[in-house]
Amino acid sequence: MKHGRISGKFYKFVCRNFPYRVTSREVINCINNILNGAMTENKAITTLQGAETELKRQKELYKSNVECRKRIG
């Protein structure tokens, strides 16, 4: 959202797919490239969708968080 260079579409994508670790290397690199004008948002989304290891890790964190909430509640 910095200086209007990042749209709500990209922001929503990052928040939904990387809820636990937005500071992962892939996300930071894509955001910096968008802000510098070296990459479009659509290309960044495609790149981040290809980062399977980080997406898998995020899903595992979500799954363990849900399990933990069920145990506590």
PDB file of N, CA and C in Angstrom:
ATOM      1  N   MET A   1       0.815  -1.180   0.000  1.00  0.00           N
ATOM      2  CA  MET A   1       0.000   0.000   0.000  1.00  0.00           C
ATOM      3  C   MET A   1       0.866   1.253   0.000  1.00  0.00           C
ATOM      4  N   LYS A   2       2.154   1.052  -0.003  1.00  0.00           N
ATOM      5  CA  LYS A   2       3.089   2.153   0.084  1.00  0.00           C
ATOM      6  C   LYS A   2       3.008   3.036  -1.156  1.00  0.00           C
ATOM      7  N   HIS A   3       2.668   4.277  -0.958  1.00  0.00           N
ATOM      8  CA  HIS A   3       2.588   5.292  -2.014  1.00  0.00           C
ATOM      9  C   HIS A   3       1.650   4.870  -3.139  1.00  0.00           C
ATOM     10  N   GLY A   4       0.662   4.029  -2.848  1.00  0.00           N
ATOM     11  CA  GLY A   4      -0.298   3.611  -3.855  1.00  0.00           C
ATOM     12  C   GLY A   4       0.245   2.658  -4.893  1.00  0.00           C
ATOM     13  N   ARG A   5       1.405   2.062  -4.659  1.00  0.00           N
ATOM     14  CA  ARG A   5       1.995   1.165  -5.652  1.00  0.00           C
ATOM     15  C   ARG A   5       1.555  -0.280  -5.471  1.00  0.00           C
ATOM     16  N   ILE A   6       1.004  -0.608  -4.318  1.00  0.00           N
ATOM     17  CA  ILE A   6       0.528  -1.964  -4.083  1.00  0.00           C
ATOM     18  C   ILE A   6      -0.984  -1.916  -3.939  1.00  0.00           C
ATOM     19  N   SER A   7      -1.652  -2.693  -4.778  1.00  0.00           N
ATOM     20  CA  SER A   7      -3.114  -2.667  -4.779  1.00  0.00           C
ATOM     21  C   SER A   7      -3.681  -3.566  -3.689  1.00  0.00           C
ATOM     22  N   GLY A   8      -4.960  -3.422  -3.482  1.00  0.00           N
ATOM     23  CA  GLY A   8      -5.651  -4.247  -2.504  1.00  0.00           C
ATOM     24  C   GLY A   8      -5.664  -5.712  -2.909  1.00  0.00           C
ATOM     25  N   LYS A   9      -5.671  -5.983  -4.206  1.00  0.00           N
ATOM     26  CA  LYS A   9      -5.672  -7.358  -4.708  1.00  0.00           C
ATOM     27  C   LYS A   9      -4.410  -8.094  -4.262  1.00  0.00           C
ATOM     28  N   PHE A  10      -3.260  -7.481  -4.438  1.00  0.00           N
ATOM     29  CA  PHE A  10      -1.992  -8.111  -4.042  1.00  0.00           C
ATOM     30  C   PHE A  10      -1.897  -8.211  -2.526  1.00  0.00           C
ATOM     31  N   TYR A  11      -2.304  -7.163  -1.842  1.00  0.00           N
ATOM     32  CA  TYR A  11      -2.275  -7.148  -0.380  1.00  0.00           C
ATOM     33  C   TYR A  11      -3.150  -8.270   0.183  1.00  0.00           C
ATOM     34  N   LYS A  12      -4.333  -8.434  -0.391  1.00  0.00           N
ATOM     35  CA  LYS A  12      -5.258  -9.478   0.054  1.00  0.00           C
ATOM     36  C   LYS A  12      -4.669 -10.864  -0.216  1.00  0.00           C
ATOM     37  N   PHE A  13      -4.024 -11.024  -1.380  1.00  0.00           N
ATOM     38  CA  PHE A  13      -3.391 -12.299  -1.715  1.00  0.00           C
ATOM     39  C   PHE A  13      -2.310 -12.660  -0.700  1.00  0.00           C
ATOM     40  N   VAL A  14      -1.468 -11.699  -0.370  1.00  0.00           N
ATOM     41  CA  VAL A  14      -0.381 -11.951   0.575  1.00  0.00           C
ATOM     42  C   VAL A  14      -0.939 -12.270   1.958  1.00  0.00           C
ATOM     43  N   CYS A  15      -1.924 -11.528   2.401  1.00  0.00           N
ATOM     44  CA  CYS A  15      -2.501 -11.761   3.732  1.00  0.00           C
ATOM     45  C   CYS A  15      -3.202 -13.110   3.830  1.00  0.00           C
ATOM     46  N   ARG A  16      -3.843 -13.522   2.765  1.00  0.00           N
ATOM     47  CA  ARG A  16      -4.550 -14.809   2.791  1.00  0.00           C
ATOM     48  C   ARG A  16      -3.608 -15.997   2.692  1.00  0.00           C
ATOM     49  N   ASN A  17      -2.561 -15.883   1.884  1.00  0.00           N
ATOM     50  CA  ASN A  17      -1.685 -17.019   1.638  1.00  0.00           C
ATOM     51  C   ASN A  17      -0.462 -17.069   2.538  1.00  0.00           C
ATOM     52  N   PHE A  18      -0.107 -15.970   3.142  1.00  0.00           N
ATOM     53  CA  PHE A  18       1.052 -15.927   4.031  1.00  0.00           C
ATOM     54  C   PHE A  18       0.665 -15.280   5.358  1.00  0.00           C
ATOM     55  N   PRO A  19      -0.314 -15.857   6.073  1.00  0.00           N
ATOM     56  CA  PRO A  19      -0.799 -15.199   7.294  1.00  0.00           C
ATOM     57  C   PRO A  19       0.171 -15.252   8.467  1.00  0.00           C
ATOM     58  N   TYR A  20       1.068 -16.221   8.471  1.00  0.00           N
ATOM     59  CA  TYR A  20       1.927 -16.395   9.630  1.00  0.00           C
ATOM     60  C   TYR A  20       3.331 -15.857   9.439  1.00  0.00           C
ATOM     61  N   ARG A  21       3.775 -15.746   8.216  1.00  0.00           N
ATOM     62  CA  ARG A  21       5.135 -15.276   8.000  1.00  0.00           C
ATOM     63  C   ARG A  21       5.199 -14.437   6.732  1.00  0.00           C
ATOM     64  N   VAL A  22       4.779 -13.204   6.860  1.00  0.00           N
ATOM     65  CA  VAL A  22       4.790 -12.287   5.712  1.00  0.00           C
ATOM     66  C   VAL A  22       6.216 -11.864   5.385  1.00  0.00           C
ATOM     67  N   THR A  23       7.122 -12.037   6.330  1.00  0.00           N
ATOM     68  CA  THR A  23       8.499 -11.599   6.129  1.00  0.00           C
ATOM     69  C   THR A  23       9.370 -12.670   5.490  1.00  0.00           C
ATOM     70  N   SER A  24       8.773 -13.675   4.854  1.00  0.00           N
ATOM     71  CA  SER A  24       9.585 -14.684   4.180  1.00  0.00           C
ATOM     72  C   SER A  24      10.322 -14.038   3.008  1.00  0.00           C
ATOM     73  N   ARG A  25      11.406 -14.629   2.639  1.00  0.00           N
ATOM     74  CA  ARG A  25      12.280 -14.052   1.611  1.00  0.00           C
ATOM     75  C   ARG A  25      11.549 -13.815   0.288  1.00  0.00           C
ATOM     76  N   GLU A  26      10.724 -14.780  -0.116  1.00  0.00           N
ATOM     77  CA  GLU A  26      10.016 -14.652  -1.396  1.00  0.00           C
ATOM     78  C   GLU A  26       9.079 -13.446  -1.402  1.00  0.00           C
ATOM     79  N   VAL A  27       8.351 -13.268  -0.306  1.00  0.00           N
ATOM     80  CA  VAL A  27       7.389 -12.165  -0.222  1.00  0.00           C
ATOM     81  C   VAL A  27       8.108 -10.823  -0.218  1.00  0.00           C
ATOM     82  N   ILE A  28       9.148 -10.705   0.578  1.00  0.00           N
ATOM     83  CA  ILE A  28       9.900  -9.441   0.655  1.00  0.00           C
ATOM     84  C   ILE A  28      10.511  -9.084  -0.689  1.00  0.00           C
ATOM     85  N   ASN A  29      11.085 -10.072  -1.381  1.00  0.00           N
ATOM     86  CA  ASN A  29      11.676  -9.797  -2.696  1.00  0.00           C
ATOM     87  C   ASN A  29      10.626  -9.320  -3.694  1.00  0.00           C
ATOM     88  N   CYS A  30       9.470  -9.958  -3.690  1.00  0.00           N
ATOM     89  CA  CYS A  30       8.410  -9.553  -4.626  1.00  0.00           C
ATOM     90  C   CYS A  30       7.910  -8.145  -4.310  1.00  0.00           C
ATOM     91  N   ILE A  31       7.721  -7.838  -3.039  1.00  0.00           N
ATOM     92  CA  ILE A  31       7.254  -6.497  -2.660  1.00  0.00           C
ATOM     93  C   ILE A  31       8.278  -5.439  -3.064  1.00  0.00           C
ATOM     94  N   ASN A  32       9.555  -5.702  -2.812  1.00  0.00           N
ATOM     95  CA  ASN A  32      10.594  -4.746  -3.208  1.00  0.00           C
ATOM     96  C   ASN A  32      10.627  -4.553  -4.718  1.00  0.00           C
ATOM     97  N   ASN A  33      10.465  -5.637  -5.476  1.00  0.00           N
ATOM     98  CA  ASN A  33      10.460  -5.522  -6.936  1.00  0.00           C
ATOM     99  C   ASN A  33       9.255  -4.736  -7.438  1.00  0.00           C
ATOM    100  N   ILE A  34       8.107  -4.905  -6.788  1.00  0.00           N
ATOM    101  CA  ILE A  34       6.927  -4.129  -7.170  1.00  0.00           C
ATOM    102  C   ILE A  34       7.152  -2.653  -6.884  1.00  0.00           C
ATOM    103  N   LEU A  35       7.673  -2.349  -5.700  1.00  0.00           N
ATOM    104  CA  LEU A  35       7.895  -0.948  -5.339  1.00  0.00           C
ATOM    105  C   LEU A  35       8.938  -0.286  -6.231  1.00  0.00           C
ATOM    106  N   ASN A  36       9.917  -1.060  -6.690  1.00  0.00           N
ATOM    107  CA  ASN A  36      10.943  -0.519  -7.579  1.00  0.00           C
ATOM    108  C   ASN A  36      10.495  -0.479  -9.040  1.00  0.00           C
ATOM    109  N   GLY A  37       9.366  -1.099  -9.339  1.00  0.00           N
ATOM    110  CA  GLY A  37       8.870  -1.110 -10.706  1.00  0.00           C
ATOM    111  C   GLY A  37       9.473  -2.195 -11.561  1.00  0.00           C
ATOM    112  N   ALA A  38      10.213  -3.116 -10.971  1.00  0.00           N
ATOM    113  CA  ALA A  38      10.859  -4.183 -11.731  1.00  0.00           C
ATOM    114  C   ALA A  38       9.925  -5.352 -11.998  1.00  0.00           C
ATOM    115  N   MET A  39       8.777  -5.398 -11.303  1.00  0.00           N
ATOM    116  CA  MET A  39       7.858  -6.514 -11.441  1.00  0.00           C
ATOM    117  C   MET A  39       6.430  -6.009 -11.296  1.00  0.00           C
ATOM    118  N   THR A  40       5.540  -6.611 -12.063  1.00  0.00           N
ATOM    119  CA  THR A  40       4.125  -6.264 -11.919  1.00  0.00           C
ATOM    120  C   THR A  40       3.515  -7.110 -10.805  1.00  0.00           C
ATOM    121  N   GLU A  41       2.354  -6.686 -10.323  1.00  0.00           N
ATOM    122  CA  GLU A  41       1.697  -7.420  -9.247  1.00  0.00           C
ATOM    123  C   GLU A  41       1.249  -8.802  -9.695  1.00  0.00           C
ATOM    124  N   ASN A  42       0.764  -8.913 -10.925  1.00  0.00           N
ATOM    125  CA  ASN A  42       0.322 -10.213 -11.426  1.00  0.00           C
ATOM    126  C   ASN A  42       1.485 -11.193 -11.521  1.00  0.00           C
ATOM    127  N   LYS A  43       2.634 -10.705 -11.953  1.00  0.00           N
ATOM    128  CA  LYS A  43       3.815 -11.565 -12.024  1.00  0.00           C
ATOM    129  C   LYS A  43       4.265 -11.961 -10.617  1.00  0.00           C
ATOM    130  N   ALA A  44       4.155 -11.053  -9.673  1.00  0.00           N
ATOM    131  CA  ALA A  44       4.522 -11.350  -8.288  1.00  0.00           C
ATOM    132  C   ALA A  44       3.597 -12.412  -7.695  1.00  0.00           C
ATOM    133  N   ILE A  45       2.305 -12.304  -7.989  1.00  0.00           N
ATOM    134  CA  ILE A  45       1.350 -13.302  -7.501  1.00  0.00           C
ATOM    135  C   ILE A  45       1.685 -14.670  -8.090  1.00  0.00           C
ATOM    136  N   THR A  46       1.989 -14.705  -9.377  1.00  0.00           N
ATOM    137  CA  THR A  46       2.363 -15.960 -10.023  1.00  0.00           C
ATOM    138  C   THR A  46       3.633 -16.532  -9.405  1.00  0.00           C
ATOM    139  N   THR A  47       4.600 -15.667  -9.131  1.00  0.00           N
ATOM    140  CA  THR A  47       5.849 -16.098  -8.507  1.00  0.00           C
ATOM    141  C   THR A  47       5.597 -16.669  -7.123  1.00  0.00           C
ATOM    142  N   LEU A  48       4.770 -16.000  -6.348  1.00  0.00           N
ATOM    143  CA  LEU A  48       4.487 -16.471  -4.996  1.00  0.00           C
ATOM    144  C   LEU A  48       3.657 -17.743  -4.989  1.00  0.00           C
ATOM    145  N   GLN A  49       2.816 -17.929  -5.979  1.00  0.00           N
ATOM    146  CA  GLN A  49       2.063 -19.171  -6.078  1.00  0.00           C
ATOM    147  C   GLN A  49       2.990 -20.337  -6.382  1.00  0.00           C
ATOM    148  N   GLY A  50       4.117 -20.051  -7.012  1.00  0.00           N
ATOM    149  CA  GLY A  50       5.100 -21.086  -7.321  1.00  0.00           C
ATOM    150  C   GLY A  50       6.014 -21.414  -6.154  1.00  0.00           C
ATOM    151  N   ALA A  51       5.979 -20.630  -5.108  1.00  0.00           N
ATOM    152  CA  ALA A  51       6.815 -20.874  -3.928  1.00  0.00           C
ATOM    153  C   ALA A  51       6.144 -21.935  -3.060  1.00  0.00           C
ATOM    154  N   GLU A  52       6.195 -23.171  -3.535  1.00  0.00           N
ATOM    155  CA  GLU A  52       5.442 -24.249  -2.903  1.00  0.00           C
ATOM    156  C   GLU A  52       5.911 -24.566  -1.490  1.00  0.00           C
ATOM    157  N   THR A  53       7.206 -24.499  -1.236  1.00  0.00           N
ATOM    158  CA  THR A  53       7.689 -24.862   0.094  1.00  0.00           C
ATOM    159  C   THR A  53       7.161 -23.903   1.155  1.00  0.00           C
ATOM    160  N   GLU A  54       7.157 -22.625   0.845  1.00  0.00           N
ATOM    161  CA  GLU A  54       6.663 -21.642   1.815  1.00  0.00           C
ATOM    162  C   GLU A  54       5.152 -21.734   1.965  1.00  0.00           C
ATOM    163  N   LEU A  55       4.428 -21.953   0.873  1.00  0.00           N
ATOM    164  CA  LEU A  55       2.979 -22.108   0.959  1.00  0.00           C
ATOM    165  C   LEU A  55       2.618 -23.351   1.775  1.00  0.00           C
ATOM    166  N   LYS A  56       3.377 -24.426   1.581  1.00  0.00           N
ATOM    167  CA  LYS A  56       3.140 -25.650   2.341  1.00  0.00           C
ATOM    168  C   LYS A  56       3.390 -25.412   3.826  1.00  0.00           C
ATOM    169  N   ARG A  57       4.436 -24.683   4.125  1.00  0.00           N
ATOM    170  CA  ARG A  57       4.764 -24.366   5.516  1.00  0.00           C
ATOM    171  C   ARG A  57       3.662 -23.523   6.158  1.00  0.00           C
ATOM    172  N   GLN A  58       3.137 -22.558   5.419  1.00  0.00           N
ATOM    173  CA  GLN A  58       2.061 -21.711   5.921  1.00  0.00           C
ATOM    174  C   GLN A  58       0.804 -22.544   6.216  1.00  0.00           C
ATOM    175  N   LYS A  59       0.492 -23.503   5.336  1.00  0.00           N
ATOM    176  CA  LYS A  59      -0.673 -24.356   5.542  1.00  0.00           C
ATOM    177  C   LYS A  59      -0.493 -25.235   6.774  1.00  0.00           C
ATOM    178  N   GLU A  60       0.739 -25.721   6.993  1.00  0.00           N
ATOM    179  CA  GLU A  60       1.007 -26.535   8.176  1.00  0.00           C
ATOM    180  C   GLU A  60       0.865 -25.708   9.450  1.00  0.00           C
ATOM    181  N   LEU A  61       1.332 -24.473   9.415  1.00  0.00           N
ATOM    182  CA  LEU A  61       1.180 -23.599  10.570  1.00  0.00           C
ATOM    183  C   LEU A  61      -0.293 -23.323  10.857  1.00  0.00           C
ATOM    184  N   TYR A  62      -1.072 -23.119   9.820  1.00  0.00           N
ATOM    185  CA  TYR A  62      -2.502 -22.883   9.991  1.00  0.00           C
ATOM    186  C   TYR A  62      -3.181 -24.117  10.602  1.00  0.00           C
ATOM    187  N   LYS A  63      -2.812 -25.281  10.075  1.00  0.00           N
ATOM    188  CA  LYS A  63      -3.407 -26.525  10.562  1.00  0.00           C
ATOM    189  C   LYS A  63      -3.072 -26.750  12.033  1.00  0.00           C
ATOM    190  N   SER A  64      -1.832 -26.529  12.428  1.00  0.00           N
ATOM    191  CA  SER A  64      -1.453 -26.713  13.829  1.00  0.00           C
ATOM    192  C   SER A  64      -2.120 -25.676  14.724  1.00  0.00           C
ATOM    193  N   ASN A  65      -2.322 -24.469  14.206  1.00  0.00           N
ATOM    194  CA  ASN A  65      -3.000 -23.432  14.967  1.00  0.00           C
ATOM    195  C   ASN A  65      -4.455 -23.814  15.231  1.00  0.00           C
ATOM    196  N   VAL A  66      -5.121 -24.363  14.228  1.00  0.00           N
ATOM    197  CA  VAL A  66      -6.515 -24.790  14.385  1.00  0.00           C
ATOM    198  C   VAL A  66      -6.599 -25.931  15.395  1.00  0.00           C
ATOM    199  N   GLU A  67      -5.671 -26.881  15.299  1.00  0.00           N
ATOM    200  CA  GLU A  67      -5.664 -28.003  16.243  1.00  0.00           C
ATOM    201  C   GLU A  67      -5.434 -27.522  17.666  1.00  0.00           C
ATOM    202  N   CYS A  68      -4.555 -26.582  17.826  1.00  0.00           N
ATOM    203  CA  CYS A  68      -4.247 -26.030  19.139  1.00  0.00           C
ATOM    204  C   CYS A  68      -5.471 -25.314  19.723  1.00  0.00           C
ATOM    205  N   ARG A  69      -6.175 -24.564  18.893  1.00  0.00           N
ATOM    206  CA  ARG A  69      -7.378 -23.865  19.351  1.00  0.00           C
ATOM    207  C   ARG A  69      -8.464 -24.837  19.788  1.00  0.00           C
ATOM    208  N   LYS A  70      -8.575 -25.964  19.068  1.00  0.00           N
ATOM    209  CA  LYS A  70      -9.567 -26.967  19.432  1.00  0.00           C
ATOM    210  C   LYS A  70      -9.230 -27.589  20.787  1.00  0.00           C
ATOM    211  N   ARG A  71      -7.955 -27.837  21.036  1.00  0.00           N
ATOM    212  CA  ARG A  71      -7.545 -28.407  22.319  1.00  0.00           C
ATOM    213  C   ARG A  71      -7.793 -27.451  23.470  1.00  0.00           C
ATOM    214  N   ILE A  72      -7.506 -26.189  23.253  1.00  0.00           N
ATOM    215  CA  ILE A  72      -7.669 -25.181  24.321  1.00  0.00           C
ATOM    216  C   ILE A  72      -9.140 -24.931  24.576  1.00  0.00           C
ATOM    217  N   GLY A  73      -9.912 -24.789  23.515  1.00  0.00           N
ATOM    218  CA  GLY A  73     -11.327 -24.425  23.650  1.00  0.00           C
ATOM    219  C   GLY A  73     -12.161 -25.608  23.871  1.00  0.00           C
TER     220      GLY A  73
END
